[in-house]
N, C-alpha and C. Protein backbone atom coordinates (compact mmCIF):
# COMPACT_ATOMS: atom_id res chain seq x y z
N MET A 1 -24.36 -0.42 21.31
CA MET A 1 -23.22 -1.09 21.89
C MET A 1 -22.21 -0.08 22.44
N ASN A 2 -22.01 1.04 21.73
CA ASN A 2 -21.09 2.06 22.22
C ASN A 2 -21.59 2.70 23.50
N PHE A 3 -22.92 2.78 23.68
CA PHE A 3 -23.49 3.33 24.91
C PHE A 3 -23.08 2.47 26.10
N ILE A 4 -23.12 1.15 25.95
CA ILE A 4 -22.76 0.24 27.03
C ILE A 4 -21.28 0.41 27.37
N LYS A 5 -20.44 0.55 26.34
CA LYS A 5 -19.02 0.74 26.59
C LYS A 5 -18.75 2.09 27.25
N LEU A 6 -19.51 3.11 26.88
CA LEU A 6 -19.36 4.42 27.51
C LEU A 6 -19.74 4.35 28.98
N VAL A 7 -20.82 3.65 29.30
CA VAL A 7 -21.24 3.47 30.69
C VAL A 7 -20.15 2.73 31.47
N PHE A 8 -19.56 1.69 30.86
CA PHE A 8 -18.47 0.95 31.50
C PHE A 8 -17.29 1.88 31.78
N TYR A 9 -16.95 2.73 30.81
CA TYR A 9 -15.84 3.66 30.97
C TYR A 9 -16.11 4.63 32.12
N ILE A 10 -17.33 5.12 32.20
CA ILE A 10 -17.68 6.05 33.28
C ILE A 10 -17.63 5.36 34.62
N ILE A 11 -18.10 4.12 34.67
CA ILE A 11 -18.09 3.38 35.93
C ILE A 11 -16.66 3.16 36.39
N MET A 12 -15.74 2.97 35.46
CA MET A 12 -14.36 2.70 35.83
C MET A 12 -13.57 3.96 36.18
N SER A 13 -14.17 5.12 36.02
CA SER A 13 -13.44 6.35 36.38
C SER A 13 -13.39 6.49 37.89
N LYS A 14 -12.47 7.29 38.36
CA LYS A 14 -12.26 7.44 39.80
C LYS A 14 -13.46 8.06 40.50
N ARG A 15 -14.06 9.07 39.90
CA ARG A 15 -15.20 9.73 40.55
C ARG A 15 -16.38 8.78 40.70
N ALA A 16 -16.54 7.92 39.73
CA ALA A 16 -17.66 6.98 39.80
C ALA A 16 -17.52 6.05 40.99
N PHE A 17 -16.28 5.65 41.33
CA PHE A 17 -16.10 4.78 42.48
C PHE A 17 -16.45 5.50 43.78
N ILE A 18 -16.17 6.78 43.85
CA ILE A 18 -16.55 7.54 45.05
C ILE A 18 -18.07 7.60 45.16
N VAL A 19 -18.74 7.87 44.04
CA VAL A 19 -20.21 7.92 44.04
C VAL A 19 -20.80 6.56 44.37
N ILE A 20 -20.26 5.50 43.76
CA ILE A 20 -20.76 4.14 44.06
C ILE A 20 -20.52 3.80 45.52
N GLY A 21 -19.36 4.20 46.06
CA GLY A 21 -19.08 3.97 47.48
C GLY A 21 -20.08 4.69 48.37
N MET A 22 -20.45 5.91 47.99
CA MET A 22 -21.44 6.66 48.77
C MET A 22 -22.82 6.00 48.68
N ILE A 23 -23.19 5.51 47.50
CA ILE A 23 -24.49 4.84 47.33
C ILE A 23 -24.53 3.57 48.16
N ILE A 24 -23.45 2.79 48.12
CA ILE A 24 -23.43 1.55 48.92
C ILE A 24 -23.44 1.88 50.40
N GLY A 25 -22.72 2.95 50.79
CA GLY A 25 -22.78 3.39 52.19
C GLY A 25 -24.19 3.78 52.59
N GLY A 26 -24.92 4.46 51.70
CA GLY A 26 -26.31 4.82 51.97
C GLY A 26 -27.21 3.60 52.10
N ILE A 27 -26.98 2.60 51.26
CA ILE A 27 -27.77 1.35 51.33
C ILE A 27 -27.49 0.63 52.65
N ILE A 28 -26.21 0.58 53.04
CA ILE A 28 -25.85 -0.07 54.31
C ILE A 28 -26.50 0.69 55.47
N TYR A 29 -26.51 2.03 55.41
CA TYR A 29 -27.14 2.81 56.47
C TYR A 29 -28.63 2.56 56.52
N TYR A 30 -29.25 2.42 55.36
CA TYR A 30 -30.70 2.17 55.32
C TYR A 30 -31.05 0.88 56.04
N PHE A 31 -30.24 -0.16 55.85
CA PHE A 31 -30.56 -1.45 56.47
C PHE A 31 -30.06 -1.57 57.90
N THR A 32 -28.96 -0.92 58.25
CA THR A 32 -28.41 -1.09 59.59
C THR A 32 -28.70 0.09 60.51
N GLY A 33 -28.90 1.27 59.94
CA GLY A 33 -29.13 2.46 60.76
C GLY A 33 -27.87 2.96 61.44
N SER A 34 -26.72 2.47 61.02
CA SER A 34 -25.46 2.84 61.66
C SER A 34 -24.58 3.62 60.69
N TYR A 35 -24.17 4.81 61.13
CA TYR A 35 -23.25 5.60 60.31
C TYR A 35 -21.87 4.92 60.22
N VAL A 36 -21.47 4.28 61.29
CA VAL A 36 -20.15 3.63 61.32
C VAL A 36 -20.08 2.54 60.25
N TYR A 37 -21.09 1.66 60.20
CA TYR A 37 -21.09 0.60 59.20
C TYR A 37 -21.18 1.16 57.78
N SER A 38 -21.98 2.19 57.59
CA SER A 38 -22.13 2.74 56.24
C SER A 38 -20.84 3.41 55.77
N ILE A 39 -20.17 4.14 56.65
CA ILE A 39 -18.91 4.78 56.28
C ILE A 39 -17.84 3.73 56.03
N CYS A 40 -17.78 2.72 56.90
CA CYS A 40 -16.78 1.64 56.72
C CYS A 40 -17.02 0.87 55.43
N GLY A 41 -18.29 0.57 55.12
CA GLY A 41 -18.60 -0.15 53.88
C GLY A 41 -18.22 0.64 52.64
N GLY A 42 -18.58 1.92 52.62
CA GLY A 42 -18.21 2.77 51.48
C GLY A 42 -16.71 2.94 51.36
N LEU A 43 -16.04 3.11 52.49
CA LEU A 43 -14.59 3.29 52.50
C LEU A 43 -13.87 2.01 52.05
N LEU A 44 -14.36 0.86 52.50
CA LEU A 44 -13.76 -0.41 52.06
C LEU A 44 -13.91 -0.61 50.55
N LEU A 45 -15.07 -0.25 50.01
CA LEU A 45 -15.26 -0.36 48.57
C LEU A 45 -14.29 0.58 47.84
N TYR A 46 -14.12 1.79 48.32
CA TYR A 46 -13.22 2.74 47.68
C TYR A 46 -11.77 2.23 47.74
N ILE A 47 -11.34 1.74 48.90
CA ILE A 47 -9.97 1.23 49.04
C ILE A 47 -9.77 0.01 48.14
N PHE A 48 -10.74 -0.88 48.10
CA PHE A 48 -10.65 -2.07 47.24
C PHE A 48 -10.54 -1.66 45.77
N SER A 49 -11.37 -0.75 45.33
CA SER A 49 -11.33 -0.33 43.92
C SER A 49 -10.04 0.42 43.61
N TYR A 50 -9.56 1.25 44.53
CA TYR A 50 -8.31 1.96 44.30
C TYR A 50 -7.16 0.97 44.16
N TRP A 51 -7.09 0.03 45.06
CA TRP A 51 -5.98 -0.92 45.07
C TRP A 51 -5.98 -1.79 43.82
N ASN A 52 -7.16 -2.20 43.36
CA ASN A 52 -7.23 -3.11 42.21
C ASN A 52 -7.22 -2.41 40.87
N PHE A 53 -7.73 -1.20 40.77
CA PHE A 53 -7.86 -0.57 39.47
C PHE A 53 -6.95 0.64 39.29
N PHE A 54 -6.70 1.39 40.34
CA PHE A 54 -5.92 2.62 40.21
C PHE A 54 -4.72 2.64 41.13
N GLY A 55 -4.41 1.50 41.72
CA GLY A 55 -3.40 1.45 42.76
C GLY A 55 -1.98 1.58 42.26
N PRO A 56 -1.04 1.30 43.13
CA PRO A 56 0.38 1.53 42.86
C PRO A 56 0.88 0.80 41.61
N VAL A 57 0.44 -0.43 41.38
CA VAL A 57 0.92 -1.17 40.21
C VAL A 57 0.42 -0.52 38.93
N SER A 58 -0.86 -0.18 38.88
CA SER A 58 -1.41 0.47 37.68
C SER A 58 -0.74 1.81 37.43
N LEU A 59 -0.45 2.55 38.48
CA LEU A 59 0.21 3.84 38.31
C LEU A 59 1.65 3.66 37.80
N ALA A 60 2.34 2.63 38.28
CA ALA A 60 3.70 2.37 37.81
C ALA A 60 3.70 1.96 36.34
N VAL A 61 2.75 1.12 35.94
CA VAL A 61 2.65 0.71 34.54
C VAL A 61 2.32 1.92 33.67
N LYS A 62 1.41 2.74 34.14
CA LYS A 62 1.04 3.95 33.40
C LYS A 62 2.25 4.86 33.20
N ARG A 63 3.04 5.07 34.25
CA ARG A 63 4.24 5.90 34.15
C ARG A 63 5.25 5.30 33.16
N SER A 64 5.38 3.98 33.15
CA SER A 64 6.31 3.32 32.24
C SER A 64 5.89 3.50 30.79
N ILE A 65 4.61 3.39 30.52
CA ILE A 65 4.11 3.56 29.16
C ILE A 65 4.27 5.02 28.73
N VAL A 66 4.00 5.94 29.63
CA VAL A 66 4.18 7.36 29.31
C VAL A 66 5.66 7.66 29.04
N ARG A 67 6.56 6.99 29.77
CA ARG A 67 7.99 7.15 29.51
C ARG A 67 8.36 6.67 28.11
N LEU A 68 7.76 5.55 27.68
CA LEU A 68 7.99 5.07 26.31
C LEU A 68 7.56 6.13 25.30
N LYS A 69 6.44 6.78 25.58
CA LYS A 69 5.93 7.83 24.68
C LYS A 69 6.89 9.02 24.65
N LYS A 70 7.38 9.43 25.81
CA LYS A 70 8.27 10.59 25.87
C LYS A 70 9.59 10.35 25.14
N ARG A 71 10.04 9.10 25.10
CA ARG A 71 11.28 8.77 24.39
C ARG A 71 11.01 8.40 22.93
N ASP A 72 9.79 8.67 22.47
CA ASP A 72 9.37 8.40 21.09
C ASP A 72 9.47 6.93 20.71
N LEU A 73 9.30 6.04 21.69
CA LEU A 73 9.27 4.61 21.41
C LEU A 73 7.84 4.11 21.22
N ALA A 74 6.87 4.95 21.56
CA ALA A 74 5.46 4.60 21.38
C ALA A 74 4.69 5.86 21.00
N ILE A 75 3.65 5.66 20.21
CA ILE A 75 2.79 6.76 19.76
C ILE A 75 1.46 6.64 20.48
N ASP A 76 1.01 7.71 21.11
CA ASP A 76 -0.28 7.73 21.78
C ASP A 76 -1.36 8.04 20.75
N THR A 77 -2.36 7.17 20.64
CA THR A 77 -3.46 7.42 19.69
C THR A 77 -4.50 8.35 20.29
N TYR A 78 -4.45 8.58 21.58
CA TYR A 78 -5.44 9.37 22.31
C TYR A 78 -6.85 8.82 22.10
N SER A 79 -6.94 7.52 21.87
CA SER A 79 -8.22 6.84 21.66
C SER A 79 -8.31 5.66 22.60
N LEU A 80 -9.50 5.40 23.09
CA LEU A 80 -9.73 4.21 23.90
C LEU A 80 -9.94 3.02 22.98
N PHE A 81 -9.71 1.82 23.49
CA PHE A 81 -9.73 0.63 22.65
C PHE A 81 -11.08 0.37 21.99
N PHE A 82 -12.16 0.86 22.56
CA PHE A 82 -13.49 0.58 21.99
C PHE A 82 -14.02 1.74 21.16
N SER A 83 -13.28 2.83 21.06
CA SER A 83 -13.79 3.99 20.34
C SER A 83 -13.65 3.81 18.83
N ASN A 84 -14.40 4.59 18.09
CA ASN A 84 -14.35 4.51 16.62
C ASN A 84 -13.09 5.14 16.05
N GLU A 85 -12.42 5.98 16.82
CA GLU A 85 -11.21 6.65 16.31
C GLU A 85 -10.06 5.68 16.06
N VAL A 86 -10.08 4.51 16.71
CA VAL A 86 -8.97 3.58 16.51
C VAL A 86 -8.94 3.05 15.08
N LYS A 87 -10.07 3.12 14.37
CA LYS A 87 -10.09 2.68 12.97
C LYS A 87 -9.16 3.53 12.11
N ASP A 88 -8.94 4.80 12.50
CA ASP A 88 -8.05 5.68 11.75
C ASP A 88 -6.60 5.18 11.75
N PHE A 89 -6.25 4.35 12.71
CA PHE A 89 -4.90 3.80 12.81
C PHE A 89 -4.81 2.39 12.26
N GLY A 90 -5.88 1.90 11.66
CA GLY A 90 -5.89 0.55 11.11
C GLY A 90 -6.14 -0.52 12.16
N ILE A 91 -6.65 -0.12 13.31
CA ILE A 91 -6.91 -1.05 14.40
C ILE A 91 -8.34 -1.56 14.27
N LEU A 92 -8.49 -2.87 14.24
CA LEU A 92 -9.81 -3.48 14.15
C LEU A 92 -10.24 -3.95 15.54
N LYS A 93 -11.48 -3.72 15.87
CA LYS A 93 -11.96 -4.06 17.22
C LYS A 93 -11.96 -5.56 17.49
N GLU A 94 -12.06 -6.37 16.44
CA GLU A 94 -12.17 -7.81 16.63
C GLU A 94 -10.81 -8.51 16.67
N ASN A 95 -9.74 -7.86 16.28
CA ASN A 95 -8.45 -8.53 16.11
C ASN A 95 -7.50 -8.43 17.30
N TRP A 96 -7.99 -8.08 18.45
CA TRP A 96 -7.11 -7.96 19.61
C TRP A 96 -6.66 -9.34 20.09
N PHE A 97 -5.41 -9.43 20.47
CA PHE A 97 -4.85 -10.65 21.06
C PHE A 97 -4.49 -10.29 22.50
N HIS A 98 -4.91 -11.08 23.46
CA HIS A 98 -4.63 -10.69 24.84
C HIS A 98 -3.84 -11.78 25.56
N GLY A 99 -3.12 -11.34 26.55
CA GLY A 99 -2.31 -12.22 27.37
C GLY A 99 -1.46 -11.41 28.32
N TYR A 100 -0.50 -12.07 28.94
CA TYR A 100 0.34 -11.39 29.93
C TYR A 100 1.53 -10.72 29.25
N GLY A 101 1.82 -9.52 29.71
CA GLY A 101 2.97 -8.77 29.23
C GLY A 101 3.75 -8.21 30.40
N TYR A 102 4.90 -7.64 30.09
CA TYR A 102 5.80 -7.17 31.13
C TYR A 102 6.40 -5.84 30.71
N ILE A 103 6.04 -4.79 31.41
CA ILE A 103 6.64 -3.48 31.18
C ILE A 103 7.05 -2.94 32.55
N ASP A 104 8.33 -2.73 32.74
CA ASP A 104 8.86 -2.13 33.97
C ASP A 104 8.49 -2.90 35.24
N HIS A 105 8.89 -4.12 35.32
CA HIS A 105 8.84 -4.95 36.54
C HIS A 105 7.47 -5.48 36.93
N PHE A 106 6.43 -5.22 36.15
CA PHE A 106 5.11 -5.69 36.54
C PHE A 106 4.48 -6.49 35.41
N ILE A 107 4.00 -7.66 35.74
CA ILE A 107 3.30 -8.49 34.76
C ILE A 107 1.83 -8.12 34.83
N ARG A 108 1.28 -7.70 33.71
CA ARG A 108 -0.13 -7.30 33.62
C ARG A 108 -0.74 -7.91 32.37
N ILE A 109 -2.04 -7.82 32.24
CA ILE A 109 -2.73 -8.32 31.05
C ILE A 109 -2.82 -7.19 30.04
N TYR A 110 -2.36 -7.46 28.82
CA TYR A 110 -2.38 -6.49 27.73
C TYR A 110 -3.15 -7.06 26.55
N LYS A 111 -3.66 -6.17 25.73
CA LYS A 111 -4.21 -6.55 24.43
C LYS A 111 -3.31 -5.94 23.38
N THR A 112 -2.97 -6.72 22.36
CA THR A 112 -2.10 -6.24 21.30
C THR A 112 -2.71 -6.55 19.94
N GLN A 113 -2.21 -5.83 18.94
CA GLN A 113 -2.64 -6.04 17.57
C GLN A 113 -1.54 -5.53 16.65
N VAL A 114 -1.21 -6.33 15.64
CA VAL A 114 -0.22 -5.91 14.66
C VAL A 114 -0.95 -5.10 13.60
N VAL A 115 -0.51 -3.85 13.41
CA VAL A 115 -1.13 -2.95 12.43
C VAL A 115 -0.05 -2.47 11.46
N GLU A 116 -0.46 -1.70 10.48
CA GLU A 116 0.46 -1.24 9.44
C GLU A 116 1.61 -0.41 10.01
N LYS A 117 1.33 0.45 10.99
CA LYS A 117 2.35 1.35 11.54
C LYS A 117 3.24 0.69 12.59
N GLY A 118 2.80 -0.43 13.16
CA GLY A 118 3.59 -1.08 14.21
C GLY A 118 2.74 -2.05 15.01
N ILE A 119 3.02 -2.10 16.29
CA ILE A 119 2.30 -2.98 17.21
C ILE A 119 1.47 -2.12 18.14
N ALA A 120 0.15 -2.25 18.06
CA ALA A 120 -0.75 -1.49 18.93
C ALA A 120 -0.96 -2.29 20.21
N PHE A 121 -1.02 -1.59 21.34
CA PHE A 121 -1.27 -2.28 22.61
C PHE A 121 -1.93 -1.34 23.61
N TYR A 122 -2.58 -1.94 24.57
CA TYR A 122 -3.06 -1.19 25.73
C TYR A 122 -3.22 -2.16 26.90
N PRO A 123 -3.05 -1.67 28.12
CA PRO A 123 -3.20 -2.54 29.28
C PRO A 123 -4.68 -2.75 29.61
N MET A 124 -5.11 -4.00 29.65
CA MET A 124 -6.51 -4.30 29.98
C MET A 124 -6.85 -3.94 31.41
N THR A 125 -5.84 -3.94 32.26
CA THR A 125 -6.09 -3.66 33.67
C THR A 125 -6.25 -2.17 33.95
N ILE A 126 -5.99 -1.34 32.96
CA ILE A 126 -6.22 0.10 33.09
C ILE A 126 -7.18 0.49 31.98
N PRO A 127 -8.48 0.25 32.17
CA PRO A 127 -9.44 0.38 31.07
C PRO A 127 -9.62 1.79 30.53
N TYR A 128 -9.22 2.80 31.26
CA TYR A 128 -9.38 4.18 30.81
C TYR A 128 -8.13 4.67 30.06
N PHE A 129 -7.14 3.81 29.88
CA PHE A 129 -5.89 4.22 29.27
C PHE A 129 -5.97 4.12 27.76
N HIS A 130 -5.21 4.95 27.07
CA HIS A 130 -5.25 5.01 25.60
C HIS A 130 -4.56 3.82 24.96
N VAL A 131 -4.84 3.64 23.67
CA VAL A 131 -4.13 2.66 22.86
C VAL A 131 -2.83 3.30 22.39
N TYR A 132 -1.74 2.57 22.49
CA TYR A 132 -0.44 3.04 22.03
C TYR A 132 0.04 2.18 20.88
N ILE A 133 0.85 2.76 20.01
CA ILE A 133 1.42 2.02 18.88
C ILE A 133 2.93 2.13 18.97
N ILE A 134 3.59 0.98 18.93
CA ILE A 134 5.05 0.95 18.87
C ILE A 134 5.42 0.93 17.39
N PRO A 135 6.00 2.01 16.86
CA PRO A 135 6.31 2.07 15.43
C PRO A 135 7.41 1.08 15.04
N TRP A 136 7.32 0.59 13.81
CA TRP A 136 8.31 -0.37 13.31
C TRP A 136 9.72 0.23 13.36
N GLY A 137 9.85 1.52 13.15
CA GLY A 137 11.17 2.15 13.10
C GLY A 137 11.90 2.15 14.44
N THR A 138 11.18 2.03 15.55
CA THR A 138 11.83 2.04 16.86
C THR A 138 12.18 0.64 17.36
N ILE A 139 11.66 -0.39 16.68
CA ILE A 139 11.87 -1.76 17.12
C ILE A 139 13.16 -2.30 16.51
N LYS A 140 14.02 -2.84 17.36
CA LYS A 140 15.26 -3.46 16.89
C LYS A 140 14.99 -4.91 16.50
N THR A 141 14.43 -5.69 17.43
CA THR A 141 14.09 -7.08 17.15
C THR A 141 12.83 -7.47 17.92
N VAL A 142 12.17 -8.49 17.41
CA VAL A 142 11.06 -9.13 18.12
C VAL A 142 11.38 -10.61 18.13
N SER A 143 11.46 -11.18 19.32
CA SER A 143 11.87 -12.58 19.42
C SER A 143 11.23 -13.23 20.63
N GLN A 144 11.40 -14.55 20.70
CA GLN A 144 10.93 -15.29 21.87
C GLN A 144 12.06 -15.36 22.89
N ASN A 145 11.72 -15.15 24.14
CA ASN A 145 12.69 -15.25 25.22
C ASN A 145 12.14 -16.27 26.21
N ARG A 146 12.44 -17.51 25.95
CA ARG A 146 11.87 -18.60 26.75
C ARG A 146 12.32 -18.54 28.21
N ASP A 147 13.54 -18.13 28.47
CA ASP A 147 14.03 -18.06 29.86
C ASP A 147 13.18 -17.11 30.68
N PHE A 148 12.91 -15.92 30.14
CA PHE A 148 12.10 -14.94 30.85
C PHE A 148 10.68 -15.48 31.06
N CYS A 149 10.13 -16.10 30.03
CA CYS A 149 8.75 -16.58 30.11
C CYS A 149 8.61 -17.68 31.16
N VAL A 150 9.57 -18.59 31.21
CA VAL A 150 9.53 -19.65 32.22
C VAL A 150 9.69 -19.05 33.62
N GLU A 151 10.61 -18.10 33.74
CA GLU A 151 10.84 -17.44 35.02
C GLU A 151 9.61 -16.66 35.49
N SER A 152 8.92 -16.02 34.57
CA SER A 152 7.75 -15.20 34.91
C SER A 152 6.44 -15.97 34.86
N LYS A 153 6.51 -17.24 34.50
CA LYS A 153 5.34 -18.12 34.44
C LYS A 153 4.28 -17.61 33.46
N VAL A 154 4.74 -17.19 32.27
CA VAL A 154 3.83 -16.82 31.20
C VAL A 154 4.08 -17.74 30.01
N ASN A 155 3.12 -17.84 29.13
CA ASN A 155 3.20 -18.74 28.00
C ASN A 155 4.24 -18.24 26.99
N PRO A 156 5.32 -19.01 26.75
CA PRO A 156 6.36 -18.54 25.83
C PRO A 156 5.89 -18.49 24.37
N GLU A 157 4.82 -19.19 24.04
CA GLU A 157 4.30 -19.17 22.68
C GLU A 157 3.47 -17.91 22.41
N GLU A 158 3.07 -17.22 23.47
CA GLU A 158 2.19 -16.06 23.31
C GLU A 158 2.76 -14.78 23.88
N THR A 159 4.01 -14.79 24.29
CA THR A 159 4.64 -13.58 24.83
C THR A 159 5.97 -13.38 24.13
N LEU A 160 6.09 -12.28 23.40
CA LEU A 160 7.31 -12.00 22.65
C LEU A 160 8.06 -10.81 23.24
N GLU A 161 9.37 -10.88 23.13
CA GLU A 161 10.23 -9.80 23.60
C GLU A 161 10.41 -8.79 22.47
N ILE A 162 10.15 -7.52 22.78
CA ILE A 162 10.36 -6.44 21.83
C ILE A 162 11.55 -5.64 22.34
N SER A 163 12.64 -5.64 21.54
CA SER A 163 13.85 -4.89 21.90
C SER A 163 13.87 -3.62 21.08
N PHE A 164 14.14 -2.52 21.76
CA PHE A 164 14.21 -1.22 21.10
C PHE A 164 15.66 -0.88 20.80
N LYS A 165 15.84 0.05 19.91
CA LYS A 165 17.18 0.56 19.64
C LYS A 165 17.59 1.37 20.86
N GLY A 166 18.53 0.86 21.60
CA GLY A 166 18.95 1.52 22.83
C GLY A 166 18.86 0.60 24.02
N ASN A 167 18.86 -0.70 23.80
CA ASN A 167 18.92 -1.72 24.85
C ASN A 167 17.71 -1.80 25.77
N GLU A 168 16.63 -1.16 25.46
CA GLU A 168 15.43 -1.29 26.28
C GLU A 168 14.57 -2.40 25.68
N ARG A 169 13.82 -3.09 26.54
CA ARG A 169 12.96 -4.16 26.05
C ARG A 169 11.70 -4.25 26.90
N ILE A 170 10.65 -4.71 26.25
CA ILE A 170 9.38 -5.00 26.92
C ILE A 170 8.88 -6.33 26.38
N PHE A 171 7.93 -6.91 27.08
CA PHE A 171 7.33 -8.17 26.64
C PHE A 171 5.83 -7.93 26.47
N LEU A 172 5.30 -8.29 25.33
CA LEU A 172 3.88 -8.13 25.06
C LEU A 172 3.29 -9.43 24.55
N PRO A 173 2.02 -9.65 24.81
CA PRO A 173 1.39 -10.87 24.31
C PRO A 173 1.11 -10.77 22.81
N ILE A 174 1.87 -11.51 22.04
CA ILE A 174 1.69 -11.57 20.60
C ILE A 174 1.83 -13.03 20.22
N SER A 175 0.92 -13.52 19.45
CA SER A 175 0.98 -14.92 19.04
C SER A 175 2.26 -15.18 18.27
N SER A 176 2.89 -16.31 18.53
CA SER A 176 4.13 -16.64 17.82
C SER A 176 3.86 -16.83 16.32
N ASP A 177 2.60 -17.06 15.95
CA ASP A 177 2.25 -17.13 14.53
C ASP A 177 2.49 -15.80 13.83
N MET A 178 2.39 -14.72 14.57
CA MET A 178 2.56 -13.37 14.01
C MET A 178 4.04 -12.98 13.90
N LEU A 179 4.92 -13.79 14.46
CA LEU A 179 6.35 -13.46 14.45
C LEU A 179 6.87 -13.31 13.02
N LYS A 180 6.43 -14.16 12.09
CA LYS A 180 6.87 -14.07 10.69
C LYS A 180 6.40 -12.75 10.07
N VAL A 181 5.14 -12.38 10.32
CA VAL A 181 4.60 -11.12 9.78
C VAL A 181 5.37 -9.93 10.35
N ILE A 182 5.68 -9.99 11.63
CA ILE A 182 6.41 -8.90 12.28
C ILE A 182 7.81 -8.78 11.69
N ASN A 183 8.50 -9.89 11.55
CA ASN A 183 9.86 -9.85 11.00
C ASN A 183 9.87 -9.34 9.55
N GLU A 184 8.83 -9.66 8.78
CA GLU A 184 8.73 -9.12 7.42
C GLU A 184 8.53 -7.61 7.46
N SER A 185 7.72 -7.14 8.39
CA SER A 185 7.49 -5.69 8.51
C SER A 185 8.75 -4.98 8.98
N LEU A 186 9.53 -5.61 9.84
CA LEU A 186 10.77 -4.99 10.32
C LEU A 186 11.84 -4.93 9.24
N SER A 187 11.82 -5.88 8.31
CA SER A 187 12.85 -5.90 7.27
C SER A 187 12.58 -4.90 6.16
N LYS A 188 11.40 -4.31 6.13
CA LYS A 188 11.06 -3.33 5.07
C LYS A 188 11.79 -2.02 5.25
């Protein structure tokens, strides 16, 4: 099973898209005999993959998460969500909760999990990105913000606002059932 996930990770890397674009360009050339069509087909695949997987929105989300890390509001596990190293942080592969979240002006799909050290999360739309943990000590409050959820068209029962000490806030998909567990962990 880990081999399949490793292949998926390699396919999602930037170099793999260039190679796949070249292979598709070669296939198009084989059937059409035209360099123009083969170059255009490979280039379109590369542009499509860049825009959807590595484009401006993903880069902005990545920068925002890295900023959280630099301000010590999040801990980088340096582990991918499917790797065995995440077990060292108390993260279970089966317990991920996914939904829409909001970090720095962009609504993306995130997976989250409440662990002993805090709230673990990673953006599903950036599959090569590490799992991060928001420590309990940096969280001021976790609450529901129905106004934001209605405005952003996300489920208010599954998206909670995490406020940090210092007036910063993010929204992550966490089941409202977990709100009691989170508040107990924050009060410790």
